[in-house]
Amino acid sequence: MATITTISQSVGANRIVPTVAIPYPVGNPDLGEKEDAFRHEMVERAVKSLATDITESTIFK
């Protein structure tokens, strides 16, 4: 999971899941329940990326 995907690509990350913002990559914790569904979706996307066969650096949007 990365806020700046270009940096992840430049260092050779093979699976990249874009996030929201530098201070709160998976959502602002101060927003409470408002962001819960969003956070769950982000984590699900990251877990699915680990289970996906890839041959090159891939961004999971």
PDB file of N, CA and C in Angstrom:
ATOM      1  N   MET A   1       0.856  -1.157   0.000  1.00  0.00           N
ATOM      2  CA  MET A   1       0.000   0.000   0.000  1.00  0.00           C
ATOM      3  C   MET A   1       0.906   1.224   0.000  1.00  0.00           C
ATOM      4  N   ALA A   2       0.628   2.131  -0.930  1.00  0.00           N
ATOM      5  CA  ALA A   2       1.515   3.277  -1.091  1.00  0.00           C
ATOM      6  C   ALA A   2       0.745   4.530  -1.501  1.00  0.00           C
ATOM      7  N   THR A   3       1.159   5.634  -0.918  1.00  0.00           N
ATOM      8  CA  THR A   3       0.544   6.910  -1.262  1.00  0.00           C
ATOM      9  C   THR A   3       1.101   7.430  -2.584  1.00  0.00           C
ATOM     10  N   ILE A   4       2.388   7.294  -2.771  1.00  0.00           N
ATOM     11  CA  ILE A   4       3.029   7.772  -3.996  1.00  0.00           C
ATOM     12  C   ILE A   4       3.491   6.548  -4.788  1.00  0.00           C
ATOM     13  N   THR A   5       2.662   6.137  -5.723  1.00  0.00           N
ATOM     14  CA  THR A   5       2.919   4.885  -6.434  1.00  0.00           C
ATOM     15  C   THR A   5       4.167   4.940  -7.311  1.00  0.00           C
ATOM     16  N   THR A   6       4.515   6.115  -7.800  1.00  0.00           N
ATOM     17  CA  THR A   6       5.699   6.217  -8.655  1.00  0.00           C
ATOM     18  C   THR A   6       6.969   5.870  -7.888  1.00  0.00           C
ATOM     19  N   ILE A   7       7.017   6.213  -6.610  1.00  0.00           N
ATOM     20  CA  ILE A   7       8.181   5.859  -5.793  1.00  0.00           C
ATOM     21  C   ILE A   7       8.219   4.343  -5.610  1.00  0.00           C
ATOM     22  N   SER A   8       7.071   3.744  -5.354  1.00  0.00           N
ATOM     23  CA  SER A   8       7.014   2.282  -5.199  1.00  0.00           C
ATOM     24  C   SER A   8       7.503   1.587  -6.460  1.00  0.00           C
ATOM     25  N   GLN A   9       7.088   2.082  -7.610  1.00  0.00           N
ATOM     26  CA  GLN A   9       7.545   1.504  -8.875  1.00  0.00           C
ATOM     27  C   GLN A   9       9.045   1.685  -9.047  1.00  0.00           C
ATOM     28  N   SER A  10       9.561   2.851  -8.689  1.00  0.00           N
ATOM     29  CA  SER A  10      10.987   3.126  -8.907  1.00  0.00           C
ATOM     30  C   SER A  10      11.897   2.273  -8.020  1.00  0.00           C
ATOM     31  N   VAL A  11      11.381   1.817  -6.881  1.00  0.00           N
ATOM     32  CA  VAL A  11      12.201   0.964  -6.012  1.00  0.00           C
ATOM     33  C   VAL A  11      11.950  -0.520  -6.267  1.00  0.00           C
ATOM     34  N   GLY A  12      11.072  -0.814  -7.234  1.00  0.00           N
ATOM     35  CA  GLY A  12      10.886  -2.196  -7.649  1.00  0.00           C
ATOM     36  C   GLY A  12       9.801  -2.983  -6.935  1.00  0.00           C
ATOM     37  N   ALA A  13       8.847  -2.301  -6.312  1.00  0.00           N
ATOM     38  CA  ALA A  13       7.748  -3.023  -5.667  1.00  0.00           C
ATOM     39  C   ALA A  13       6.977  -3.793  -6.736  1.00  0.00           C
ATOM     40  N   ASN A  14       6.605  -5.030  -6.433  1.00  0.00           N
ATOM     41  CA  ASN A  14       5.917  -5.816  -7.449  1.00  0.00           C
ATOM     42  C   ASN A  14       4.398  -5.687  -7.372  1.00  0.00           C
ATOM     43  N   ARG A  15       3.859  -5.418  -6.191  1.00  0.00           N
ATOM     44  CA  ARG A  15       2.423  -5.214  -6.028  1.00  0.00           C
ATOM     45  C   ARG A  15       2.213  -3.872  -5.328  1.00  0.00           C
ATOM     46  N   ILE A  16       1.431  -3.007  -5.951  1.00  0.00           N
ATOM     47  CA  ILE A  16       1.227  -1.662  -5.405  1.00  0.00           C
ATOM     48  C   ILE A  16      -0.271  -1.397  -5.301  1.00  0.00           C
ATOM     49  N   VAL A  17      -0.707  -1.057  -4.104  1.00  0.00           N
ATOM     50  CA  VAL A  17      -2.099  -0.680  -3.884  1.00  0.00           C
ATOM     51  C   VAL A  17      -2.092   0.802  -3.515  1.00  0.00           C
ATOM     52  N   PRO A  18      -2.635   1.662  -4.389  1.00  0.00           N
ATOM     53  CA  PRO A  18      -2.649   3.099  -4.100  1.00  0.00           C
ATOM     54  C   PRO A  18      -3.513   3.423  -2.879  1.00  0.00           C
ATOM     55  N   THR A  19      -3.043   4.367  -2.094  1.00  0.00           N
ATOM     56  CA  THR A  19      -3.788   4.804  -0.912  1.00  0.00           C
ATOM     57  C   THR A  19      -4.203   6.259  -1.084  1.00  0.00           C
ATOM     58  N   VAL A  20      -4.721   6.863  -0.012  1.00  0.00           N
ATOM     59  CA  VAL A  20      -5.360   8.173  -0.118  1.00  0.00           C
ATOM     60  C   VAL A  20      -4.429   9.350   0.099  1.00  0.00           C
ATOM     61  N   ALA A  21      -3.824   9.446   1.261  1.00  0.00           N
ATOM     62  CA  ALA A  21      -3.028  10.629   1.597  1.00  0.00           C
ATOM     63  C   ALA A  21      -1.854  10.241   2.490  1.00  0.00           C
ATOM     64  N   ILE A  22      -0.836  11.040   2.482  1.00  0.00           N
ATOM     65  CA  ILE A  22       0.373  10.731   3.250  1.00  0.00           C
ATOM     66  C   ILE A  22       0.093  10.607   4.752  1.00  0.00           C
ATOM     67  N   PRO A  23      -0.609  11.545   5.376  1.00  0.00           N
ATOM     68  CA  PRO A  23      -0.785  11.380   6.824  1.00  0.00           C
ATOM     69  C   PRO A  23      -1.704  10.211   7.198  1.00  0.00           C
ATOM     70  N   TYR A  24      -2.669   9.889   6.354  1.00  0.00           N
ATOM     71  CA  TYR A  24      -3.612   8.800   6.646  1.00  0.00           C
ATOM     72  C   TYR A  24      -3.804   7.956   5.387  1.00  0.00           C
ATOM     73  N   PRO A  25      -2.879   7.056   5.100  1.00  0.00           N
ATOM     74  CA  PRO A  25      -2.941   6.301   3.845  1.00  0.00           C
ATOM     75  C   PRO A  25      -4.243   5.531   3.628  1.00  0.00           C
ATOM     76  N   VAL A  26      -4.826   4.990   4.686  1.00  0.00           N
ATOM     77  CA  VAL A  26      -6.066   4.221   4.525  1.00  0.00           C
ATOM     78  C   VAL A  26      -7.251   4.912   5.183  1.00  0.00           C
ATOM     79  N   GLY A  27      -7.271   6.220   5.152  1.00  0.00           N
ATOM     80  CA  GLY A  27      -8.413   6.968   5.672  1.00  0.00           C
ATOM     81  C   GLY A  27      -8.146   7.654   6.994  1.00  0.00           C
ATOM     82  N   ASN A  28      -8.783   8.762   7.184  1.00  0.00           N
ATOM     83  CA  ASN A  28      -8.632   9.575   8.384  1.00  0.00           C
ATOM     84  C   ASN A  28      -9.336   8.917   9.575  1.00  0.00           C
ATOM     85  N   PRO A  29      -8.596   8.546  10.622  1.00  0.00           N
ATOM     86  CA  PRO A  29      -9.210   7.876  11.767  1.00  0.00           C
ATOM     87  C   PRO A  29     -10.182   8.769  12.534  1.00  0.00           C
ATOM     88  N   ASP A  30     -10.058  10.074  12.373  1.00  0.00           N
ATOM     89  CA  ASP A  30     -10.962  10.992  13.060  1.00  0.00           C
ATOM     90  C   ASP A  30     -12.379  10.969  12.490  1.00  0.00           C
ATOM     91  N   LEU A  31     -12.544  10.399  11.301  1.00  0.00           N
ATOM     92  CA  LEU A  31     -13.863  10.361  10.668  1.00  0.00           C
ATOM     93  C   LEU A  31     -14.692   9.160  11.122  1.00  0.00           C
ATOM     94  N   GLY A  32     -14.085   8.274  11.899  1.00  0.00           N
ATOM     95  CA  GLY A  32     -14.808   7.145  12.491  1.00  0.00           C
ATOM     96  C   GLY A  32     -15.523   6.262  11.494  1.00  0.00           C
ATOM     97  N   GLU A  33     -16.797   5.987  11.768  1.00  0.00           N
ATOM     98  CA  GLU A  33     -17.573   5.047  10.963  1.00  0.00           C
ATOM     99  C   GLU A  33     -17.698   5.472   9.505  1.00  0.00           C
ATOM    100  N   LYS A  34     -17.601   6.761   9.262  1.00  0.00           N
ATOM    101  CA  LYS A  34     -17.694   7.274   7.897  1.00  0.00           C
ATOM    102  C   LYS A  34     -16.655   6.626   6.976  1.00  0.00           C
ATOM    103  N   GLU A  35     -15.500   6.356   7.519  1.00  0.00           N
ATOM    104  CA  GLU A  35     -14.400   5.815   6.722  1.00  0.00           C
ATOM    105  C   GLU A  35     -14.263   4.295   6.852  1.00  0.00           C
ATOM    106  N   ASP A  36     -15.013   3.659   7.717  1.00  0.00           N
ATOM    107  CA  ASP A  36     -14.855   2.219   7.958  1.00  0.00           C
ATOM    108  C   ASP A  36     -14.987   1.386   6.691  1.00  0.00           C
ATOM    109  N   ALA A  37     -16.023   1.608   5.926  1.00  0.00           N
ATOM    110  CA  ALA A  37     -16.227   0.830   4.697  1.00  0.00           C
ATOM    111  C   ALA A  37     -15.067   1.048   3.734  1.00  0.00           C
ATOM    112  N   PHE A  38     -14.604   2.277   3.646  1.00  0.00           N
ATOM    113  CA  PHE A  38     -13.477   2.589   2.769  1.00  0.00           C
ATOM    114  C   PHE A  38     -12.219   1.846   3.221  1.00  0.00           C
ATOM    115  N   ARG A  39     -11.946   1.852   4.512  1.00  0.00           N
ATOM    116  CA  ARG A  39     -10.769   1.158   5.038  1.00  0.00           C
ATOM    117  C   ARG A  39     -10.834  -0.338   4.748  1.00  0.00           C
ATOM    118  N   HIS A  40     -11.998  -0.919   4.962  1.00  0.00           N
ATOM    119  CA  HIS A  40     -12.157  -2.355   4.704  1.00  0.00           C
ATOM    120  C   HIS A  40     -11.901  -2.677   3.231  1.00  0.00           C
ATOM    121  N   GLU A  41     -12.402  -1.836   2.347  1.00  0.00           N
ATOM    122  CA  GLU A  41     -12.206  -2.057   0.920  1.00  0.00           C
ATOM    123  C   GLU A  41     -10.728  -1.974   0.560  1.00  0.00           C
ATOM    124  N   MET A  42     -10.014  -1.012   1.143  1.00  0.00           N
ATOM    125  CA  MET A  42      -8.581  -0.865   0.870  1.00  0.00           C
ATOM    126  C   MET A  42      -7.808  -2.104   1.322  1.00  0.00           C
ATOM    127  N   VAL A  43      -8.104  -2.586   2.504  1.00  0.00           N
ATOM    128  CA  VAL A  43      -7.399  -3.763   3.017  1.00  0.00           C
ATOM    129  C   VAL A  43      -7.746  -5.001   2.191  1.00  0.00           C
ATOM    130  N   GLU A  44      -9.012  -5.141   1.802  1.00  0.00           N
ATOM    131  CA  GLU A  44      -9.406  -6.265   0.945  1.00  0.00           C
ATOM    132  C   GLU A  44      -8.640  -6.234  -0.373  1.00  0.00           C
ATOM    133  N   ARG A  45      -8.503  -5.058  -0.951  1.00  0.00           N
ATOM    134  CA  ARG A  45      -7.759  -4.921  -2.202  1.00  0.00           C
ATOM    135  C   ARG A  45      -6.299  -5.340  -2.008  1.00  0.00           C
ATOM    136  N   ALA A  46      -5.711  -4.956  -0.896  1.00  0.00           N
ATOM    137  CA  ALA A  46      -4.317  -5.322  -0.618  1.00  0.00           C
ATOM    138  C   ALA A  46      -4.169  -6.829  -0.451  1.00  0.00           C
ATOM    139  N   VAL A  47      -5.086  -7.459   0.261  1.00  0.00           N
ATOM    140  CA  VAL A  47      -5.023  -8.915   0.460  1.00  0.00           C
ATOM    141  C   VAL A  47      -5.204  -9.635  -0.874  1.00  0.00           C
ATOM    142  N   LYS A  48      -6.151  -9.177  -1.691  1.00  0.00           N
ATOM    143  CA  LYS A  48      -6.361  -9.792  -3.005  1.00  0.00           C
ATOM    144  C   LYS A  48      -5.129  -9.645  -3.887  1.00  0.00           C
ATOM    145  N   SER A  49      -4.418  -8.532  -3.748  1.00  0.00           N
ATOM    146  CA  SER A  49      -3.209  -8.339  -4.556  1.00  0.00           C
ATOM    147  C   SER A  49      -2.157  -9.395  -4.214  1.00  0.00           C
ATOM    148  N   LEU A  50      -2.114  -9.803  -2.963  1.00  0.00           N
ATOM    149  CA  LEU A  50      -1.150 -10.827  -2.555  1.00  0.00           C
ATOM    150  C   LEU A  50      -1.494 -12.205  -3.126  1.00  0.00           C
ATOM    151  N   ALA A  51      -2.766 -12.432  -3.394  1.00  0.00           N
ATOM    152  CA  ALA A  51      -3.209 -13.720  -3.915  1.00  0.00           C
ATOM    153  C   ALA A  51      -3.230 -13.758  -5.443  1.00  0.00           C
ATOM    154  N   THR A  52      -2.861 -12.654  -6.080  1.00  0.00           N
ATOM    155  CA  THR A  52      -2.901 -12.559  -7.532  1.00  0.00           C
ATOM    156  C   THR A  52      -1.537 -12.865  -8.132  1.00  0.00           C
ATOM    157  N   ASP A  53      -1.502 -13.770  -9.109  1.00  0.00           N
ATOM    158  CA  ASP A  53      -0.257 -14.051  -9.815  1.00  0.00           C
ATOM    159  C   ASP A  53       0.066 -12.882 -10.725  1.00  0.00           C
ATOM    160  N   ILE A  54       1.317 -12.425 -10.670  1.00  0.00           N
ATOM    161  CA  ILE A  54       1.761 -11.329 -11.536  1.00  0.00           C
ATOM    162  C   ILE A  54       3.112 -11.666 -12.126  1.00  0.00           C
ATOM    163  N   THR A  55       3.472 -10.997 -13.215  1.00  0.00           N
ATOM    164  CA  THR A  55       4.783 -11.203 -13.829  1.00  0.00           C
ATOM    165  C   THR A  55       5.597  -9.917 -13.856  1.00  0.00           C
ATOM    166  N   GLU A  56       4.954  -8.813 -13.546  1.00  0.00           N
ATOM    167  CA  GLU A  56       5.655  -7.523 -13.543  1.00  0.00           C
ATOM    168  C   GLU A  56       5.011  -6.624 -12.493  1.00  0.00           C
ATOM    169  N   SER A  57       5.620  -5.494 -12.222  1.00  0.00           N
ATOM    170  CA  SER A  57       5.080  -4.541 -11.265  1.00  0.00           C
ATOM    171  C   SER A  57       3.640  -4.189 -11.653  1.00  0.00           C
ATOM    172  N   THR A  58       2.722  -4.336 -10.683  1.00  0.00           N
ATOM    173  CA  THR A  58       1.304  -4.142 -10.976  1.00  0.00           C
ATOM    174  C   THR A  58       0.671  -3.217  -9.946  1.00  0.00           C
ATOM    175  N   ILE A  59      -0.118  -2.262 -10.431  1.00  0.00           N
ATOM    176  CA  ILE A  59      -0.868  -1.370  -9.548  1.00  0.00           C
ATOM    177  C   ILE A  59      -2.300  -1.889  -9.476  1.00  0.00           C
ATOM    178  N   PHE A  60      -2.764  -2.163  -8.263  1.00  0.00           N
ATOM    179  CA  PHE A  60      -4.108  -2.670  -8.036  1.00  0.00           C
ATOM    180  C   PHE A  60      -5.017  -1.513  -7.636  1.00  0.00           C
ATOM    181  N   LYS A  61      -5.806  -1.039  -8.596  1.00  0.00           N
ATOM    182  CA  LYS A  61      -6.690   0.105  -8.341  1.00  0.00           C
ATOM    183  C   LYS A  61      -8.050  -0.343  -7.889  1.00  0.00           C
TER     184      LYS A  61
END
